[in-house]
Amino acid sequence: MTKLTNNQKKFLRAKGHALKPVVMVGQHGLSESVLAELESSMSKHELLKIKIRTEDRDEKQNMINKIVEVSHSHLVQVIGNVMVIYRAFDEEPQIILPRK
């Protein structure tokens, strides 16, 4: 998995702006059901918006890191309690990233 360039992140942020959060992480954190829903959503969408409900900054950062690690995706953006991640489909990606 190669790193995204700044230009690619900018392109994905623009695409992700109009998205609604598909997965919501509640007060119980990253349970098995949330991780299963995340994997299911990643099989349907390349770009995903996730809402994290937690007050503690360290806990939120740990959840973000775990989500990126478990989903094998790229972190595109975090604003407040909303994060955007990207993972290209293995076959026939729908989002074509700019080269640079």
N, C-alpha and C. Protein backbone atom coordinates (compact mmCIF):
# COMPACT_ATOMS: atom_id res chain seq x y z
N MET A 1 0.85 -1.17 0.00
CA MET A 1 0.00 0.00 0.00
C MET A 1 0.90 1.24 0.00
N THR A 2 0.86 1.99 -1.09
CA THR A 2 1.69 3.18 -1.19
C THR A 2 1.00 4.36 -0.50
N LYS A 3 1.81 5.32 -0.10
CA LYS A 3 1.25 6.50 0.55
C LYS A 3 0.56 7.39 -0.48
N LEU A 4 -0.45 8.11 -0.01
CA LEU A 4 -1.14 9.07 -0.87
C LEU A 4 -0.34 10.37 -0.90
N THR A 5 -0.27 10.98 -2.07
CA THR A 5 0.38 12.28 -2.17
C THR A 5 -0.59 13.36 -1.67
N ASN A 6 -0.07 14.54 -1.43
CA ASN A 6 -0.92 15.65 -0.98
C ASN A 6 -1.99 15.99 -2.00
N ASN A 7 -1.64 15.91 -3.28
CA ASN A 7 -2.59 16.19 -4.34
C ASN A 7 -3.73 15.15 -4.34
N GLN A 8 -3.38 13.89 -4.14
CA GLN A 8 -4.38 12.83 -4.09
C GLN A 8 -5.29 13.01 -2.88
N LYS A 9 -4.71 13.38 -1.75
CA LYS A 9 -5.53 13.62 -0.55
C LYS A 9 -6.49 14.78 -0.78
N LYS A 10 -6.00 15.83 -1.43
CA LYS A 10 -6.85 16.99 -1.73
C LYS A 10 -8.02 16.57 -2.62
N PHE A 11 -7.74 15.75 -3.62
CA PHE A 11 -8.76 15.24 -4.53
C PHE A 11 -9.79 14.40 -3.76
N LEU A 12 -9.32 13.54 -2.86
CA LEU A 12 -10.23 12.69 -2.08
C LEU A 12 -11.03 13.49 -1.06
N ARG A 13 -10.43 14.53 -0.47
CA ARG A 13 -11.15 15.39 0.47
C ARG A 13 -12.31 16.06 -0.24
N ALA A 14 -12.08 16.52 -1.47
CA ALA A 14 -13.14 17.17 -2.24
C ALA A 14 -14.28 16.19 -2.53
N LYS A 15 -13.94 14.95 -2.87
CA LYS A 15 -14.96 13.93 -3.14
C LYS A 15 -15.70 13.55 -1.85
N GLY A 16 -14.98 13.49 -0.74
CA GLY A 16 -15.56 13.05 0.53
C GLY A 16 -16.43 14.10 1.19
N HIS A 17 -16.31 15.34 0.75
CA HIS A 17 -17.05 16.43 1.38
C HIS A 17 -18.56 16.21 1.34
N ALA A 18 -19.06 15.70 0.23
CA ALA A 18 -20.51 15.53 0.05
C ALA A 18 -21.04 14.24 0.69
N LEU A 19 -20.15 13.37 1.16
CA LEU A 19 -20.59 12.10 1.73
C LEU A 19 -21.24 12.27 3.09
N LYS A 20 -22.14 11.37 3.41
CA LYS A 20 -22.71 11.29 4.76
C LYS A 20 -21.96 10.18 5.51
N PRO A 21 -21.81 10.29 6.82
CA PRO A 21 -21.14 9.22 7.57
C PRO A 21 -21.90 7.90 7.41
N VAL A 22 -21.19 6.86 7.02
CA VAL A 22 -21.79 5.54 6.81
C VAL A 22 -21.66 4.70 8.07
N VAL A 23 -20.51 4.77 8.72
CA VAL A 23 -20.26 4.00 9.94
C VAL A 23 -20.17 4.97 11.11
N MET A 24 -20.82 4.62 12.21
CA MET A 24 -20.75 5.45 13.41
C MET A 24 -20.20 4.62 14.56
N VAL A 25 -19.15 5.14 15.20
CA VAL A 25 -18.56 4.48 16.35
C VAL A 25 -19.13 5.16 17.59
N GLY A 26 -19.86 4.42 18.40
CA GLY A 26 -20.55 4.98 19.55
C GLY A 26 -19.71 4.95 20.81
N GLN A 27 -20.40 5.09 21.93
CA GLN A 27 -19.72 5.17 23.22
C GLN A 27 -19.06 3.85 23.64
N HIS A 28 -19.47 2.75 23.00
CA HIS A 28 -18.89 1.44 23.35
C HIS A 28 -17.60 1.17 22.59
N GLY A 29 -17.20 2.10 21.74
CA GLY A 29 -15.93 1.99 21.04
C GLY A 29 -16.00 1.05 19.85
N LEU A 30 -14.84 0.50 19.51
CA LEU A 30 -14.73 -0.37 18.34
C LEU A 30 -15.08 -1.81 18.71
N SER A 31 -16.35 -2.12 18.72
CA SER A 31 -16.78 -3.48 19.01
C SER A 31 -16.65 -4.33 17.75
N GLU A 32 -16.85 -5.62 17.90
CA GLU A 32 -16.78 -6.54 16.76
C GLU A 32 -17.82 -6.18 15.70
N SER A 33 -19.01 -5.78 16.14
CA SER A 33 -20.07 -5.44 15.18
C SER A 33 -19.70 -4.18 14.38
N VAL A 34 -19.07 -3.21 15.02
CA VAL A 34 -18.64 -2.00 14.31
C VAL A 34 -17.57 -2.35 13.29
N LEU A 35 -16.62 -3.19 13.67
CA LEU A 35 -15.56 -3.59 12.74
C LEU A 35 -16.12 -4.39 11.57
N ALA A 36 -17.13 -5.24 11.85
CA ALA A 36 -17.78 -6.00 10.77
C ALA A 36 -18.51 -5.06 9.81
N GLU A 37 -19.19 -4.06 10.36
CA GLU A 37 -19.89 -3.07 9.53
C GLU A 37 -18.89 -2.26 8.71
N LEU A 38 -17.76 -1.94 9.30
CA LEU A 38 -16.71 -1.20 8.59
C LEU A 38 -16.22 -2.01 7.39
N GLU A 39 -15.95 -3.29 7.61
CA GLU A 39 -15.46 -4.14 6.52
C GLU A 39 -16.51 -4.30 5.43
N SER A 40 -17.76 -4.44 5.84
CA SER A 40 -18.86 -4.55 4.88
C SER A 40 -18.98 -3.28 4.04
N SER A 41 -18.87 -2.13 4.69
CA SER A 41 -18.97 -0.86 3.98
C SER A 41 -17.78 -0.63 3.05
N MET A 42 -16.60 -1.07 3.47
CA MET A 42 -15.41 -0.89 2.64
C MET A 42 -15.47 -1.77 1.39
N SER A 43 -16.26 -2.84 1.43
CA SER A 43 -16.38 -3.68 0.23
C SER A 43 -17.31 -3.02 -0.79
N LYS A 44 -18.13 -2.05 -0.36
CA LYS A 44 -19.07 -1.37 -1.25
C LYS A 44 -18.60 0.02 -1.66
N HIS A 45 -17.83 0.68 -0.79
CA HIS A 45 -17.40 2.06 -1.02
C HIS A 45 -15.89 2.15 -0.91
N GLU A 46 -15.27 2.88 -1.82
CA GLU A 46 -13.83 3.12 -1.72
C GLU A 46 -13.52 4.25 -0.75
N LEU A 47 -14.38 5.25 -0.74
CA LEU A 47 -14.20 6.41 0.12
C LEU A 47 -15.30 6.38 1.17
N LEU A 48 -14.92 6.46 2.43
CA LEU A 48 -15.88 6.25 3.51
C LEU A 48 -15.72 7.34 4.57
N LYS A 49 -16.85 7.86 5.02
CA LYS A 49 -16.86 8.85 6.10
C LYS A 49 -17.35 8.14 7.36
N ILE A 50 -16.62 8.32 8.45
CA ILE A 50 -16.92 7.64 9.72
C ILE A 50 -17.04 8.68 10.82
N LYS A 51 -18.07 8.56 11.63
CA LYS A 51 -18.27 9.47 12.76
C LYS A 51 -17.87 8.74 14.04
N ILE A 52 -17.04 9.39 14.85
CA ILE A 52 -16.58 8.80 16.11
C ILE A 52 -17.12 9.65 17.25
N ARG A 53 -17.86 9.00 18.14
CA ARG A 53 -18.40 9.72 19.29
C ARG A 53 -17.60 9.38 20.54
N THR A 54 -16.70 10.27 20.88
CA THR A 54 -15.93 10.14 22.12
C THR A 54 -15.45 11.52 22.53
N GLU A 55 -15.30 11.72 23.80
CA GLU A 55 -14.85 13.02 24.32
C GLU A 55 -13.33 13.08 24.45
N ASP A 56 -12.70 11.94 24.73
CA ASP A 56 -11.27 11.90 25.01
C ASP A 56 -10.46 11.91 23.71
N ARG A 57 -9.55 12.87 23.59
CA ARG A 57 -8.73 13.00 22.37
C ARG A 57 -7.85 11.78 22.14
N ASP A 58 -7.21 11.29 23.21
CA ASP A 58 -6.31 10.14 23.05
C ASP A 58 -7.09 8.91 22.62
N GLU A 59 -8.27 8.72 23.21
CA GLU A 59 -9.11 7.59 22.85
C GLU A 59 -9.55 7.70 21.38
N LYS A 60 -9.90 8.91 20.95
CA LYS A 60 -10.30 9.13 19.56
C LYS A 60 -9.14 8.81 18.62
N GLN A 61 -7.94 9.28 18.96
CA GLN A 61 -6.77 9.02 18.11
C GLN A 61 -6.46 7.53 18.04
N ASN A 62 -6.61 6.83 19.17
CA ASN A 62 -6.40 5.38 19.17
C ASN A 62 -7.41 4.68 18.28
N MET A 63 -8.67 5.13 18.31
CA MET A 63 -9.71 4.54 17.46
C MET A 63 -9.39 4.79 15.99
N ILE A 64 -8.97 6.00 15.66
CA ILE A 64 -8.62 6.34 14.28
C ILE A 64 -7.50 5.44 13.78
N ASN A 65 -6.45 5.30 14.60
CA ASN A 65 -5.32 4.45 14.22
C ASN A 65 -5.75 3.00 14.02
N LYS A 66 -6.60 2.51 14.91
CA LYS A 66 -7.06 1.12 14.82
C LYS A 66 -7.94 0.91 13.58
N ILE A 67 -8.82 1.88 13.28
CA ILE A 67 -9.68 1.77 12.10
C ILE A 67 -8.83 1.70 10.84
N VAL A 68 -7.83 2.57 10.73
CA VAL A 68 -6.96 2.60 9.54
C VAL A 68 -6.19 1.28 9.44
N GLU A 69 -5.71 0.79 10.57
CA GLU A 69 -4.93 -0.46 10.58
C GLU A 69 -5.79 -1.66 10.22
N VAL A 70 -6.96 -1.77 10.83
CA VAL A 70 -7.83 -2.93 10.61
C VAL A 70 -8.40 -2.94 9.19
N SER A 71 -8.75 -1.77 8.67
CA SER A 71 -9.37 -1.71 7.34
C SER A 71 -8.34 -1.67 6.21
N HIS A 72 -7.04 -1.58 6.53
CA HIS A 72 -5.98 -1.49 5.53
C HIS A 72 -6.26 -0.34 4.56
N SER A 73 -6.59 0.82 5.12
CA SER A 73 -6.96 1.97 4.30
C SER A 73 -6.02 3.13 4.57
N HIS A 74 -6.22 4.20 3.80
CA HIS A 74 -5.46 5.44 3.98
C HIS A 74 -6.33 6.44 4.70
N LEU A 75 -5.76 7.14 5.66
CA LEU A 75 -6.46 8.23 6.33
C LEU A 75 -6.37 9.46 5.43
N VAL A 76 -7.54 9.98 5.03
CA VAL A 76 -7.57 11.14 4.15
C VAL A 76 -7.69 12.41 4.97
N GLN A 77 -8.59 12.40 5.97
CA GLN A 77 -8.88 13.63 6.70
C GLN A 77 -9.56 13.32 8.02
N VAL A 78 -9.30 14.16 9.02
CA VAL A 78 -10.03 14.13 10.28
C VAL A 78 -10.43 15.55 10.61
N ILE A 79 -11.74 15.78 10.75
CA ILE A 79 -12.25 17.08 11.18
C ILE A 79 -13.19 16.82 12.34
N GLY A 80 -12.83 17.31 13.51
CA GLY A 80 -13.66 17.08 14.69
C GLY A 80 -13.81 15.60 14.97
N ASN A 81 -15.04 15.11 14.97
CA ASN A 81 -15.30 13.70 15.23
C ASN A 81 -15.60 12.91 13.97
N VAL A 82 -15.25 13.46 12.82
CA VAL A 82 -15.52 12.79 11.55
C VAL A 82 -14.20 12.53 10.83
N MET A 83 -14.05 11.30 10.37
CA MET A 83 -12.85 10.95 9.60
C MET A 83 -13.23 10.41 8.24
N VAL A 84 -12.34 10.57 7.28
CA VAL A 84 -12.55 10.05 5.93
C VAL A 84 -11.38 9.12 5.63
N ILE A 85 -11.72 7.89 5.18
CA ILE A 85 -10.69 6.92 4.81
C ILE A 85 -10.91 6.48 3.37
N TYR A 86 -9.82 5.98 2.76
CA TYR A 86 -9.87 5.55 1.36
C TYR A 86 -9.15 4.23 1.23
N ARG A 87 -9.80 3.29 0.53
CA ARG A 87 -9.15 2.04 0.14
C ARG A 87 -9.68 1.69 -1.25
N ALA A 88 -8.78 1.62 -2.22
CA ALA A 88 -9.18 1.31 -3.59
C ALA A 88 -9.66 -0.13 -3.68
N PHE A 89 -10.63 -0.35 -4.56
CA PHE A 89 -11.08 -1.71 -4.83
C PHE A 89 -9.94 -2.47 -5.49
N ASP A 90 -9.86 -3.79 -5.21
CA ASP A 90 -8.82 -4.61 -5.83
C ASP A 90 -9.04 -4.71 -7.34
N GLU A 91 -10.30 -4.89 -7.73
CA GLU A 91 -10.64 -4.99 -9.14
C GLU A 91 -11.55 -3.83 -9.52
N GLU A 92 -11.24 -3.20 -10.63
CA GLU A 92 -12.03 -2.11 -11.17
C GLU A 92 -12.32 -0.98 -10.16
N PRO A 93 -11.29 -0.24 -9.77
CA PRO A 93 -11.52 0.90 -8.86
C PRO A 93 -12.42 1.94 -9.52
N GLN A 94 -13.34 2.51 -8.72
CA GLN A 94 -14.26 3.52 -9.23
C GLN A 94 -13.66 4.91 -9.19
N ILE A 95 -12.81 5.17 -8.21
CA ILE A 95 -12.18 6.48 -8.07
C ILE A 95 -10.79 6.41 -8.70
N ILE A 96 -10.57 7.21 -9.72
CA ILE A 96 -9.26 7.27 -10.38
C ILE A 96 -8.49 8.45 -9.77
N LEU A 97 -7.41 8.14 -9.07
CA LEU A 97 -6.62 9.18 -8.41
C LEU A 97 -5.74 9.91 -9.40
N PRO A 98 -5.49 11.21 -9.17
CA PRO A 98 -4.50 11.91 -10.01
C PRO A 98 -3.12 11.30 -9.80
N ARG A 99 -2.28 11.38 -10.79
CA ARG A 99 -0.97 10.73 -10.73
C ARG A 99 -0.07 11.33 -9.65
N LYS A 100 -0.05 12.66 -9.54
CA LYS A 100 0.86 13.30 -8.59
C LYS A 100 0.12 13.81 -7.39
